Amino acid sequence: MTMPELAGAPTDATDVQAYSDAIGRFLRKLDFTYKKRRWSPPSGAANG
């Protein structure tokens, strides 16, 4: 789910507007972060 989708959820349900930057600040304050994982090739067992 993207931040704009997350911000649109309260508007769809209750007509209360939320801003994605405010939600992002709130989530960071709660120590929720998004970190990209480094890409790695599939293991040899997956090739079968």
Protein backbone atom coordinates (compact mmCIF):
# COMPACT_ATOMS: atom_id res chain seq x y z
CA MET A 1 0.00 0.00 0.00
CA THR A 2 1.36 3.39 -0.92
CA MET A 3 1.17 6.49 1.27
CA PRO A 4 -1.46 8.18 -0.96
CA GLU A 5 -3.60 5.03 -0.78
CA LEU A 6 -3.18 4.96 2.99
CA ALA A 7 -4.14 8.63 3.22
CA GLY A 8 -7.21 8.05 1.05
CA ALA A 9 -8.63 5.27 3.24
CA PRO A 10 -10.09 7.56 5.96
CA THR A 11 -11.56 9.84 3.29
CA ASP A 12 -13.34 6.93 1.64
CA ALA A 13 -14.68 5.59 4.94
CA THR A 14 -15.55 8.74 6.92
CA ASP A 15 -15.05 11.83 4.71
CA VAL A 16 -12.11 12.86 6.93
CA GLN A 17 -9.11 14.03 4.91
CA ALA A 18 -5.68 12.75 5.91
CA TYR A 19 -2.41 13.87 4.37
CA SER A 20 0.27 11.35 3.45
CA ASP A 21 3.09 13.46 4.94
CA ALA A 22 1.28 13.63 8.30
CA ILE A 23 0.74 9.86 8.27
CA GLY A 24 4.41 9.36 7.40
CA ARG A 25 5.54 11.52 10.32
CA PHE A 26 3.20 9.62 12.64
CA LEU A 27 4.51 6.24 11.48
CA ARG A 28 8.15 7.36 11.81
CA LYS A 29 7.40 8.55 15.35
CA LEU A 30 6.19 5.01 16.08
CA ASP A 31 9.46 3.66 14.59
CA PHE A 32 7.83 2.21 11.48
CA THR A 33 10.27 2.53 8.60
CA TYR A 34 10.59 1.14 5.10
CA LYS A 35 13.94 -0.13 4.02
CA LYS A 36 14.58 -1.58 0.60
CA ARG A 37 16.10 -5.01 0.59
CA ARG A 38 19.18 -5.67 -1.47
CA TRP A 39 18.44 -7.83 -4.50
CA SER A 40 19.92 -11.31 -4.45
CA PRO A 41 19.80 -14.02 -7.11
CA PRO A 42 17.61 -17.06 -6.45
CA SER A 43 19.23 -19.97 -4.71
CA GLY A 44 20.34 -23.05 -6.64
CA ALA A 45 17.65 -25.16 -4.95
CA ALA A 46 14.93 -23.04 -6.55
CA ASN A 47 16.06 -24.01 -10.05
CA GLY A 48 15.25 -27.68 -9.32
